[in-house]
Amino acid sequence: MNETSTYIYTAFGLLLGIIATIWTLRSLKSLKHRKRSCQAKLAEEKAQGLLKRKGYEIIESQKRMPLVFFVDGQKKETVIIADHLVKKGGRIYVAEVKDRDLKGKLLDPGIRRQLLEYNAAFKPDGVLLVDMKNGRVHLVGFGREKMAISRQQLFIIAALLSIIVLLALKIL
């Protein structure tokens, strides 16, 4: 075997080694993703029981909602998928299930953005963050709740004032 063929075999061996390494890494990443996906699905199923014990009725799981927005005037569309859509006391909530420890992480940027995205897409009465590690359901609001109560109170006050004015006009 001459020196040229040794270089060729070495280069070919290195190339095969690189290809095998890339393939192995991709396979491991895919396996890890599938495992994580299965764990998440199992947590979402268990969350149904927790939500029911807390008094929520499951309306739909894996609820898809189209979301339209504009970037530089061009229409962009996507789909937001909520783990569960639930109901309690006549109010509708989007439930997001997390199977990792959320202690001290309830307002992490990633979670916060995800909850805001659900709020924008579904326009629910609130968003629930279901912490499966600690068996807790956190109600997350975005300030709309206070505005709705204030508007309702304002309407009642205006209606009562109108009745008082009408009664006063009849008396005079």
C-alpha atoms as a PDB file:
ATOM      1  CA  MET A   1       0.000   0.000   0.000  1.00  0.00           C
ATOM      2  CA  ASN A   2       1.454   3.357  -0.963  1.00  0.00           C
ATOM      3  CA  GLU A   3       1.254   6.654   0.896  1.00  0.00           C
ATOM      4  CA  THR A   4      -1.539   8.095  -1.306  1.00  0.00           C
ATOM      5  CA  SER A   5      -3.900   5.169  -0.669  1.00  0.00           C
ATOM      6  CA  THR A   6      -3.216   5.442   3.099  1.00  0.00           C
ATOM      7  CA  TYR A   7      -4.345   9.096   2.984  1.00  0.00           C
ATOM      8  CA  ILE A   8      -7.434   8.150   0.975  1.00  0.00           C
ATOM      9  CA  TYR A   9      -8.399   5.380   3.427  1.00  0.00           C
ATOM     10  CA  THR A  10      -7.757   7.696   6.396  1.00  0.00           C
ATOM     11  CA  ALA A  11      -9.870  10.479   4.866  1.00  0.00           C
ATOM     12  CA  PHE A  12     -12.623   7.988   4.011  1.00  0.00           C
ATOM     13  CA  GLY A  13     -12.520   6.610   7.583  1.00  0.00           C
ATOM     14  CA  LEU A  14     -12.717  10.114   9.043  1.00  0.00           C
ATOM     15  CA  LEU A  15     -15.641  10.945   6.773  1.00  0.00           C
ATOM     16  CA  LEU A  16     -17.486   7.773   7.824  1.00  0.00           C
ATOM     17  CA  GLY A  17     -16.724   8.575  11.477  1.00  0.00           C
ATOM     18  CA  ILE A  18     -18.131  12.095  11.120  1.00  0.00           C
ATOM     19  CA  ILE A  19     -21.268  10.825   9.384  1.00  0.00           C
ATOM     20  CA  ALA A  20     -21.759   8.129  12.062  1.00  0.00           C
ATOM     21  CA  THR A  21     -21.294  10.709  14.839  1.00  0.00           C
ATOM     22  CA  ILE A  22     -23.815  13.128  13.296  1.00  0.00           C
ATOM     23  CA  TRP A  23     -26.335  10.317  12.760  1.00  0.00           C
ATOM     24  CA  THR A  24     -25.896   9.095  16.361  1.00  0.00           C
ATOM     25  CA  LEU A  25     -26.291  12.583  17.813  1.00  0.00           C
ATOM     26  CA  ARG A  26     -29.446  13.207  15.767  1.00  0.00           C
ATOM     27  CA  SER A  27     -30.875   9.847  16.827  1.00  0.00           C
ATOM     28  CA  LEU A  28     -30.178  10.596  20.494  1.00  0.00           C
ATOM     29  CA  LYS A  29     -31.753  14.044  20.173  1.00  0.00           C
ATOM     30  CA  SER A  30     -34.825  12.533  18.507  1.00  0.00           C
ATOM     31  CA  LEU A  31     -35.067   9.869  21.215  1.00  0.00           C
ATOM     32  CA  LYS A  32     -34.774  12.516  23.938  1.00  0.00           C
ATOM     33  CA  HIS A  33     -37.491  14.594  22.221  1.00  0.00           C
ATOM     34  CA  ARG A  34     -39.817  11.573  21.982  1.00  0.00           C
ATOM     35  CA  LYS A  35     -39.227  10.725  25.654  1.00  0.00           C
ATOM     36  CA  ARG A  36     -39.949  14.331  26.697  1.00  0.00           C
ATOM     37  CA  SER A  37     -43.065  14.376  24.529  1.00  0.00           C
ATOM     38  CA  CYS A  38     -44.347  11.172  26.165  1.00  0.00           C
ATOM     39  CA  GLN A  39     -43.676  12.592  29.644  1.00  0.00           C
ATOM     40  CA  ALA A  40     -45.539  15.792  28.766  1.00  0.00           C
ATOM     41  CA  LYS A  41     -48.506  13.847  27.385  1.00  0.00           C
ATOM     42  CA  LEU A  42     -48.667  11.731  30.551  1.00  0.00           C
ATOM     43  CA  ALA A  43     -48.545  14.894  32.708  1.00  0.00           C
ATOM     44  CA  GLU A  44     -51.389  16.425  30.657  1.00  0.00           C
ATOM     45  CA  GLU A  45     -53.512  13.308  31.224  1.00  0.00           C
ATOM     46  CA  LYS A  46     -52.790  13.340  34.976  1.00  0.00           C
ATOM     47  CA  ALA A  47     -53.579  17.058  35.066  1.00  0.00           C
ATOM     48  CA  GLN A  48     -57.151  16.284  34.009  1.00  0.00           C
ATOM     49  CA  GLY A  49     -57.664  14.450  37.297  1.00  0.00           C
ATOM     50  CA  LEU A  50     -56.121  17.289  39.311  1.00  0.00           C
ATOM     51  CA  LEU A  51     -58.261  19.884  37.528  1.00  0.00           C
ATOM     52  CA  LYS A  52     -61.429  17.831  38.124  1.00  0.00           C
ATOM     53  CA  ARG A  53     -60.569  17.478  41.837  1.00  0.00           C
ATOM     54  CA  LYS A  54     -60.213  21.282  41.969  1.00  0.00           C
ATOM     55  CA  GLY A  55     -63.712  21.691  40.513  1.00  0.00           C
ATOM     56  CA  TYR A  56     -62.891  22.364  36.848  1.00  0.00           C
ATOM     57  CA  GLU A  57     -64.780  20.731  34.000  1.00  0.00           C
ATOM     58  CA  ILE A  58     -62.622  19.710  31.030  1.00  0.00           C
ATOM     59  CA  ILE A  59     -64.179  21.149  27.873  1.00  0.00           C
ATOM     60  CA  GLU A  60     -61.482  20.134  25.408  1.00  0.00           C
ATOM     61  CA  SER A  61     -57.883  18.946  25.388  1.00  0.00           C
ATOM     62  CA  GLN A  62     -55.265  20.037  22.856  1.00  0.00           C
ATOM     63  CA  LYS A  63     -57.542  22.879  21.773  1.00  0.00           C
ATOM     64  CA  ARG A  64     -56.212  24.570  18.626  1.00  0.00           C
ATOM     65  CA  MET A  65     -56.765  28.277  18.053  1.00  0.00           C
ATOM     66  CA  PRO A  66     -55.598  30.193  14.976  1.00  0.00           C
ATOM     67  CA  LEU A  67     -53.728  33.390  15.739  1.00  0.00           C
ATOM     68  CA  VAL A  68     -53.330  36.107  13.129  1.00  0.00           C
ATOM     69  CA  PHE A  69     -50.843  38.951  13.431  1.00  0.00           C
ATOM     70  CA  PHE A  70     -49.108  41.365  11.106  1.00  0.00           C
ATOM     71  CA  VAL A  71     -45.387  41.894  10.550  1.00  0.00           C
ATOM     72  CA  ASP A  72     -44.545  45.011   8.535  1.00  0.00           C
ATOM     73  CA  GLY A  73     -48.110  45.021   7.262  1.00  0.00           C
ATOM     74  CA  GLN A  74     -47.985  41.410   6.061  1.00  0.00           C
ATOM     75  CA  LYS A  75     -50.458  38.969   7.524  1.00  0.00           C
ATOM     76  CA  LYS A  76     -48.917  36.044   9.413  1.00  0.00           C
ATOM     77  CA  GLU A  77     -50.864  33.099  10.751  1.00  0.00           C
ATOM     78  CA  THR A  78     -50.048  30.426  13.276  1.00  0.00           C
ATOM     79  CA  VAL A  79     -51.871  27.995  15.527  1.00  0.00           C
ATOM     80  CA  ILE A  80     -51.730  28.055  19.311  1.00  0.00           C
ATOM     81  CA  ILE A  81     -52.439  24.743  21.054  1.00  0.00           C
ATOM     82  CA  ALA A  82     -53.629  24.805  24.664  1.00  0.00           C
ATOM     83  CA  ASP A  83     -53.217  21.727  26.846  1.00  0.00           C
ATOM     84  CA  HIS A  84     -56.779  22.011  28.169  1.00  0.00           C
ATOM     85  CA  LEU A  85     -59.752  24.310  27.918  1.00  0.00           C
ATOM     86  CA  VAL A  86     -61.688  24.138  31.200  1.00  0.00           C
ATOM     87  CA  LYS A  87     -64.736  25.666  32.844  1.00  0.00           C
ATOM     88  CA  LYS A  88     -65.585  26.540  36.439  1.00  0.00           C
ATOM     89  CA  GLY A  89     -68.323  28.757  37.803  1.00  0.00           C
ATOM     90  CA  GLY A  90     -69.404  29.894  34.349  1.00  0.00           C
ATOM     91  CA  ARG A  91     -65.886  31.046  33.486  1.00  0.00           C
ATOM     92  CA  ILE A  92     -63.613  29.616  30.789  1.00  0.00           C
ATOM     93  CA  TYR A  93     -59.901  29.049  31.415  1.00  0.00           C
ATOM     94  CA  VAL A  94     -56.941  27.847  29.389  1.00  0.00           C
ATOM     95  CA  ALA A  95     -54.875  25.345  31.377  1.00  0.00           C
ATOM     96  CA  GLU A  96     -51.159  24.984  30.678  1.00  0.00           C
ATOM     97  CA  VAL A  97     -49.587  21.891  32.240  1.00  0.00           C
ATOM     98  CA  LYS A  98     -45.979  21.858  33.416  1.00  0.00           C
ATOM     99  CA  ASP A  99     -44.382  18.694  34.757  1.00  0.00           C
ATOM    100  CA  ARG A 100     -41.229  20.331  36.086  1.00  0.00           C
ATOM    101  CA  ASP A 101     -40.751  22.051  39.424  1.00  0.00           C
ATOM    102  CA  LEU A 102     -42.124  25.590  39.180  1.00  0.00           C
ATOM    103  CA  LYS A 103     -41.252  26.799  42.684  1.00  0.00           C
ATOM    104  CA  GLY A 104     -39.811  30.274  42.221  1.00  0.00           C
ATOM    105  CA  LYS A 105     -40.220  30.036  38.438  1.00  0.00           C
ATOM    106  CA  LEU A 106     -43.877  30.941  37.952  1.00  0.00           C
ATOM    107  CA  LEU A 107     -43.003  34.145  36.136  1.00  0.00           C
ATOM    108  CA  ASP A 108     -39.981  32.961  34.162  1.00  0.00           C
ATOM    109  CA  PRO A 109     -39.918  34.759  30.789  1.00  0.00           C
ATOM    110  CA  GLY A 110     -40.709  31.624  28.765  1.00  0.00           C
ATOM    111  CA  ILE A 111     -43.702  30.682  30.903  1.00  0.00           C
ATOM    112  CA  ARG A 112     -44.909  34.275  31.094  1.00  0.00           C
ATOM    113  CA  ARG A 113     -44.785  34.657  27.303  1.00  0.00           C
ATOM    114  CA  GLN A 114     -46.594  31.370  26.784  1.00  0.00           C
ATOM    115  CA  LEU A 115     -49.393  32.366  29.175  1.00  0.00           C
ATOM    116  CA  LEU A 116     -49.698  35.784  27.526  1.00  0.00           C
ATOM    117  CA  GLU A 117     -49.908  34.047  24.145  1.00  0.00           C
ATOM    118  CA  TYR A 118     -52.803  31.890  25.397  1.00  0.00           C
ATOM    119  CA  ASN A 119     -54.496  34.981  26.777  1.00  0.00           C
ATOM    120  CA  ALA A 120     -54.177  36.786  23.428  1.00  0.00           C
ATOM    121  CA  ALA A 121     -55.321  33.826  21.316  1.00  0.00           C
ATOM    122  CA  PHE A 122     -58.159  32.405  23.415  1.00  0.00           C
ATOM    123  CA  LYS A 123     -59.288  35.538  25.324  1.00  0.00           C
ATOM    124  CA  PRO A 124     -60.291  33.393  28.332  1.00  0.00           C
ATOM    125  CA  ASP A 125     -61.466  34.591  31.746  1.00  0.00           C
ATOM    126  CA  GLY A 126     -58.075  33.479  33.049  1.00  0.00           C
ATOM    127  CA  VAL A 127     -55.164  31.158  32.449  1.00  0.00           C
ATOM    128  CA  LEU A 128     -54.338  28.250  34.736  1.00  0.00           C
ATOM    129  CA  LEU A 129     -50.777  27.123  35.264  1.00  0.00           C
ATOM    130  CA  VAL A 130     -50.973  23.497  36.373  1.00  0.00           C
ATOM    131  CA  ASP A 131     -47.895  22.551  38.402  1.00  0.00           C
ATOM    132  CA  MET A 132     -47.882  18.744  38.336  1.00  0.00           C
ATOM    133  CA  LYS A 133     -44.699  18.389  40.424  1.00  0.00           C
ATOM    134  CA  ASN A 134     -46.351  20.146  43.365  1.00  0.00           C
ATOM    135  CA  GLY A 135     -49.998  19.273  42.598  1.00  0.00           C
ATOM    136  CA  ARG A 136     -51.087  22.904  42.389  1.00  0.00           C
ATOM    137  CA  VAL A 137     -53.260  24.919  40.049  1.00  0.00           C
ATOM    138  CA  HIS A 138     -52.319  28.603  39.816  1.00  0.00           C
ATOM    139  CA  LEU A 139     -54.808  31.126  38.433  1.00  0.00           C
ATOM    140  CA  VAL A 140     -52.987  33.734  36.347  1.00  0.00           C
ATOM    141  CA  GLY A 141     -54.791  36.946  35.428  1.00  0.00           C
ATOM    142  CA  PHE A 142     -53.727  39.842  33.244  1.00  0.00           C
ATOM    143  CA  GLY A 143     -55.640  42.760  34.720  1.00  0.00           C
ATOM    144  CA  ARG A 144     -58.756  42.331  32.585  1.00  0.00           C
ATOM    145  CA  GLU A 145     -60.582  40.809  35.530  1.00  0.00           C
ATOM    146  CA  LYS A 146     -60.448  44.054  37.528  1.00  0.00           C
ATOM    147  CA  MET A 147     -61.550  46.100  34.507  1.00  0.00           C
ATOM    148  CA  ALA A 148     -64.556  43.813  33.932  1.00  0.00           C
ATOM    149  CA  ILE A 149     -65.649  44.192  37.564  1.00  0.00           C
ATOM    150  CA  SER A 150     -65.167  47.959  37.436  1.00  0.00           C
ATOM    151  CA  ARG A 151     -67.229  48.251  34.258  1.00  0.00           C
ATOM    152  CA  GLN A 152     -69.981  46.153  35.768  1.00  0.00           C
ATOM    153  CA  GLN A 153     -69.997  48.299  38.891  1.00  0.00           C
ATOM    154  CA  LEU A 154     -70.023  51.440  36.765  1.00  0.00           C
ATOM    155  CA  PHE A 155     -73.018  50.142  34.792  1.00  0.00           C
ATOM    156  CA  ILE A 156     -74.958  49.395  37.987  1.00  0.00           C
ATOM    157  CA  ILE A 157     -74.182  52.857  39.389  1.00  0.00           C
ATOM    158  CA  ALA A 158     -75.255  54.519  36.124  1.00  0.00           C
ATOM    159  CA  ALA A 159     -78.495  52.512  36.067  1.00  0.00           C
ATOM    160  CA  LEU A 160     -79.285  53.447  39.681  1.00  0.00           C
ATOM    161  CA  LEU A 161     -78.526  57.123  39.021  1.00  0.00           C
ATOM    162  CA  SER A 162     -80.810  57.052  35.967  1.00  0.00           C
ATOM    163  CA  ILE A 163     -83.643  55.616  38.053  1.00  0.00           C
ATOM    164  CA  ILE A 164     -83.090  58.266  40.749  1.00  0.00           C
ATOM    165  CA  VAL A 165     -83.100  61.061  38.140  1.00  0.00           C
ATOM    166  CA  LEU A 166     -86.297  59.707  36.538  1.00  0.00           C
ATOM    167  CA  LEU A 167     -87.996  59.469  39.933  1.00  0.00           C
ATOM    168  CA  ALA A 168     -86.855  62.986  40.848  1.00  0.00           C
ATOM    169  CA  LEU A 169     -88.236  64.370  37.568  1.00  0.00           C
ATOM    170  CA  LYS A 170     -91.639  62.752  38.208  1.00  0.00           C
ATOM    171  CA  ILE A 171     -91.761  64.228  41.721  1.00  0.00           C
ATOM    172  CA  LEU A 172     -90.970  67.761  40.567  1.00  0.00           C
END
